[in-house]
């Protein structure tokens, strides 16, 4: 499948989808007007992936902020991928308690269904 790139804006994250490499990256801020519409293209790709999962898939979240509506959209994505070979990488900065707590919450909620790894972003 051809790689897909959705450029980020002030309200939406930059999304890179490359199933050949087994990687989906979601980076930036996620506060879209309607997350269901914004993440629909990603959901469609995942629908196709589920039909024929060719290789392990890593979904890397590197977010500086996301709202409650986005959090619900993420859970919908995760539920769609229950019991697949999806690995979630949740990237956080050292003192970003909100992002750390969200990652820990997802790890707890998804235990037994998906692998969630919290990754501390290196200082630059």
C-alpha atoms as a PDB file:
ATOM      1  CA  UNK A   1       0.000   0.000   0.000  1.00  0.00           C
ATOM      2  CA  UNK A   2       1.192   3.480  -0.853  1.00  0.00           C
ATOM      3  CA  UNK A   3       2.260   5.639   2.093  1.00  0.00           C
ATOM      4  CA  UNK A   4      -0.286   8.259   3.157  1.00  0.00           C
ATOM      5  CA  UNK A   5       0.561  11.593   4.729  1.00  0.00           C
ATOM      6  CA  UNK A   6      -1.967  13.956   6.288  1.00  0.00           C
ATOM      7  CA  UNK A   7      -0.351  17.283   7.060  1.00  0.00           C
ATOM      8  CA  UNK A   8      -0.943  18.711  10.500  1.00  0.00           C
ATOM      9  CA  UNK A   9      -2.471  22.078  11.301  1.00  0.00           C
ATOM     10  CA  UNK A  10      -2.784  24.130  14.473  1.00  0.00           C
ATOM     11  CA  UNK A  11      -5.714  21.887  15.447  1.00  0.00           C
ATOM     12  CA  UNK A  12      -4.913  18.557  13.843  1.00  0.00           C
ATOM     13  CA  UNK A  13      -1.945  16.204  14.063  1.00  0.00           C
ATOM     14  CA  UNK A  14       0.433  15.240  11.302  1.00  0.00           C
ATOM     15  CA  UNK A  15      -0.314  11.632  10.398  1.00  0.00           C
ATOM     16  CA  UNK A  16       1.989   9.340   8.453  1.00  0.00           C
ATOM     17  CA  UNK A  17       0.705   5.920   7.464  1.00  0.00           C
ATOM     18  CA  UNK A  18       3.181   3.447   5.988  1.00  0.00           C
ATOM     19  CA  UNK A  19       1.899  -0.109   6.231  1.00  0.00           C
ATOM     20  CA  UNK A  20       4.826  -1.437   4.196  1.00  0.00           C
ATOM     21  CA  UNK A  21       7.097  -0.281   7.038  1.00  0.00           C
ATOM     22  CA  UNK A  22       4.502  -1.296   9.651  1.00  0.00           C
ATOM     23  CA  UNK A  23       4.312   2.235  11.091  1.00  0.00           C
ATOM     24  CA  UNK A  24       1.655   4.859  11.707  1.00  0.00           C
ATOM     25  CA  UNK A  25       2.759   8.130  13.342  1.00  0.00           C
ATOM     26  CA  UNK A  26       0.422  10.686  14.878  1.00  0.00           C
ATOM     27  CA  UNK A  27       2.268  13.842  15.935  1.00  0.00           C
ATOM     28  CA  UNK A  28       1.337  17.297  17.219  1.00  0.00           C
ATOM     29  CA  UNK A  29      -1.968  18.608  18.554  1.00  0.00           C
ATOM     30  CA  UNK A  30      -5.296  16.822  18.206  1.00  0.00           C
ATOM     31  CA  UNK A  31      -8.220  19.171  18.743  1.00  0.00           C
ATOM     32  CA  UNK A  32     -10.200  18.805  15.493  1.00  0.00           C
ATOM     33  CA  UNK A  33     -13.782  20.054  15.221  1.00  0.00           C
ATOM     34  CA  UNK A  34     -14.991  16.504  14.570  1.00  0.00           C
ATOM     35  CA  UNK A  35     -12.451  13.770  15.366  1.00  0.00           C
ATOM     36  CA  UNK A  36     -14.627  11.059  13.788  1.00  0.00           C
ATOM     37  CA  UNK A  37     -14.386  12.836  10.438  1.00  0.00           C
ATOM     38  CA  UNK A  38     -10.711  13.732  10.842  1.00  0.00           C
ATOM     39  CA  UNK A  39      -9.636  10.169  11.745  1.00  0.00           C
ATOM     40  CA  UNK A  40     -11.940   8.490   9.182  1.00  0.00           C
ATOM     41  CA  UNK A  41      -9.155   7.989   6.625  1.00  0.00           C
ATOM     42  CA  UNK A  42      -7.019   6.290   9.285  1.00  0.00           C
ATOM     43  CA  UNK A  43      -9.966   4.105  10.325  1.00  0.00           C
ATOM     44  CA  UNK A  44     -10.494   3.091   6.683  1.00  0.00           C
ATOM     45  CA  UNK A  45      -6.841   2.082   6.370  1.00  0.00           C
ATOM     46  CA  UNK A  46      -7.117   0.037   9.567  1.00  0.00           C
ATOM     47  CA  UNK A  47     -10.259  -1.669   8.235  1.00  0.00           C
ATOM     48  CA  UNK A  48      -8.242  -2.821   5.228  1.00  0.00           C
ATOM     49  CA  UNK A  49      -5.265  -3.835   7.396  1.00  0.00           C
ATOM     50  CA  UNK A  50      -7.469  -5.993   9.647  1.00  0.00           C
ATOM     51  CA  UNK A  51      -8.686  -7.986   6.628  1.00  0.00           C
ATOM     52  CA  UNK A  52      -5.134  -9.067   5.764  1.00  0.00           C
ATOM     53  CA  UNK A  53      -2.631  -8.103   8.484  1.00  0.00           C
ATOM     54  CA  UNK A  54       0.611  -8.632   6.614  1.00  0.00           C
ATOM     55  CA  UNK A  55       3.077  -7.645   9.305  1.00  0.00           C
ATOM     56  CA  UNK A  56       3.187  -6.243  12.842  1.00  0.00           C
ATOM     57  CA  UNK A  57       2.041  -2.648  13.069  1.00  0.00           C
ATOM     58  CA  UNK A  58       3.293   0.098  15.374  1.00  0.00           C
ATOM     59  CA  UNK A  59       1.192   3.177  16.029  1.00  0.00           C
ATOM     60  CA  UNK A  60       3.363   5.933  17.502  1.00  0.00           C
ATOM     61  CA  UNK A  61       1.588   8.790  19.295  1.00  0.00           C
ATOM     62  CA  UNK A  62       3.786  11.838  19.871  1.00  0.00           C
ATOM     63  CA  UNK A  63       1.252  14.421  20.976  1.00  0.00           C
ATOM     64  CA  UNK A  64       1.746  17.737  22.711  1.00  0.00           C
ATOM     65  CA  UNK A  65      -1.976  18.046  23.478  1.00  0.00           C
ATOM     66  CA  UNK A  66      -5.282  16.331  22.693  1.00  0.00           C
ATOM     67  CA  UNK A  67      -8.834  16.978  23.823  1.00  0.00           C
ATOM     68  CA  UNK A  68     -11.499  14.655  25.209  1.00  0.00           C
ATOM     69  CA  UNK A  69     -13.085  14.118  21.801  1.00  0.00           C
ATOM     70  CA  UNK A  70      -9.740  12.989  20.417  1.00  0.00           C
ATOM     71  CA  UNK A  71      -9.255  10.665  23.396  1.00  0.00           C
ATOM     72  CA  UNK A  72     -12.569   8.998  22.491  1.00  0.00           C
ATOM     73  CA  UNK A  73     -11.473   8.715  18.860  1.00  0.00           C
ATOM     74  CA  UNK A  74      -8.228   7.060  19.984  1.00  0.00           C
ATOM     75  CA  UNK A  75     -10.187   4.520  22.045  1.00  0.00           C
ATOM     76  CA  UNK A  76     -12.331   3.748  18.988  1.00  0.00           C
ATOM     77  CA  UNK A  77      -9.133   3.136  17.014  1.00  0.00           C
ATOM     78  CA  UNK A  78      -7.737   0.926  19.777  1.00  0.00           C
ATOM     79  CA  UNK A  79     -10.964  -1.070  20.127  1.00  0.00           C
ATOM     80  CA  UNK A  80     -10.994  -1.680  16.378  1.00  0.00           C
ATOM     81  CA  UNK A  81      -7.505  -3.148  16.727  1.00  0.00           C
ATOM     82  CA  UNK A  82      -8.163  -5.318  19.818  1.00  0.00           C
ATOM     83  CA  UNK A  83      -6.289  -8.589  19.754  1.00  0.00           C
ATOM     84  CA  UNK A  84      -4.294  -7.750  16.629  1.00  0.00           C
ATOM     85  CA  UNK A  85      -0.537  -7.404  16.358  1.00  0.00           C
ATOM     86  CA  UNK A  86      -0.741  -3.619  16.898  1.00  0.00           C
ATOM     87  CA  UNK A  87       1.822  -2.116  19.243  1.00  0.00           C
ATOM     88  CA  UNK A  88       1.184   1.385  20.582  1.00  0.00           C
ATOM     89  CA  UNK A  89       4.117   3.649  21.388  1.00  0.00           C
ATOM     90  CA  UNK A  90       3.058   6.582  23.566  1.00  0.00           C
ATOM     91  CA  UNK A  91       5.769   9.257  23.520  1.00  0.00           C
ATOM     92  CA  UNK A  92       5.944  11.800  26.333  1.00  0.00           C
ATOM     93  CA  UNK A  93       8.161  14.619  27.533  1.00  0.00           C
ATOM     94  CA  UNK A  94       9.646  14.297  31.013  1.00  0.00           C
ATOM     95  CA  UNK A  95       7.387  16.745  32.872  1.00  0.00           C
ATOM     96  CA  UNK A  96       4.229  16.449  30.775  1.00  0.00           C
ATOM     97  CA  UNK A  97       2.048  14.886  33.452  1.00  0.00           C
ATOM     98  CA  UNK A  98      -1.142  14.995  31.344  1.00  0.00           C
ATOM     99  CA  UNK A  99       0.363  13.054  28.436  1.00  0.00           C
ATOM    100  CA  UNK A 100       2.094  10.617  30.813  1.00  0.00           C
ATOM    101  CA  UNK A 101      -1.141   9.988  32.720  1.00  0.00           C
ATOM    102  CA  UNK A 102      -3.079   9.465  29.481  1.00  0.00           C
ATOM    103  CA  UNK A 103      -0.503   6.927  28.310  1.00  0.00           C
ATOM    104  CA  UNK A 104      -0.663   5.093  31.622  1.00  0.00           C
ATOM    105  CA  UNK A 105      -4.469   5.081  31.444  1.00  0.00           C
ATOM    106  CA  UNK A 106      -4.440   3.630  27.921  1.00  0.00           C
ATOM    107  CA  UNK A 107      -1.903   1.023  28.976  1.00  0.00           C
ATOM    108  CA  UNK A 108      -4.157  -0.048  31.851  1.00  0.00           C
ATOM    109  CA  UNK A 109      -7.386   0.009  29.803  1.00  0.00           C
ATOM    110  CA  UNK A 110      -5.886  -1.936  26.904  1.00  0.00           C
ATOM    111  CA  UNK A 111      -4.026  -4.554  28.954  1.00  0.00           C
ATOM    112  CA  UNK A 112      -4.721  -7.998  27.576  1.00  0.00           C
ATOM    113  CA  UNK A 113      -5.797  -6.591  24.192  1.00  0.00           C
ATOM    114  CA  UNK A 114      -2.944  -4.415  22.892  1.00  0.00           C
ATOM    115  CA  UNK A 115       0.661  -3.691  23.781  1.00  0.00           C
ATOM    116  CA  UNK A 116       1.245  -0.113  24.982  1.00  0.00           C
ATOM    117  CA  UNK A 117       4.778   1.170  25.580  1.00  0.00           C
ATOM    118  CA  UNK A 118       5.472   4.558  27.160  1.00  0.00           C
ATOM    119  CA  UNK A 119       8.566   6.164  25.667  1.00  0.00           C
ATOM    120  CA  UNK A 120      10.298   9.144  27.200  1.00  0.00           C
ATOM    121  CA  UNK A 121      11.295  11.680  24.555  1.00  0.00           C
ATOM    122  CA  UNK A 122      15.018  12.401  24.705  1.00  0.00           C
ATOM    123  CA  UNK A 123      16.032  15.927  25.674  1.00  0.00           C
ATOM    124  CA  UNK A 124      17.309  17.939  22.768  1.00  0.00           C
END
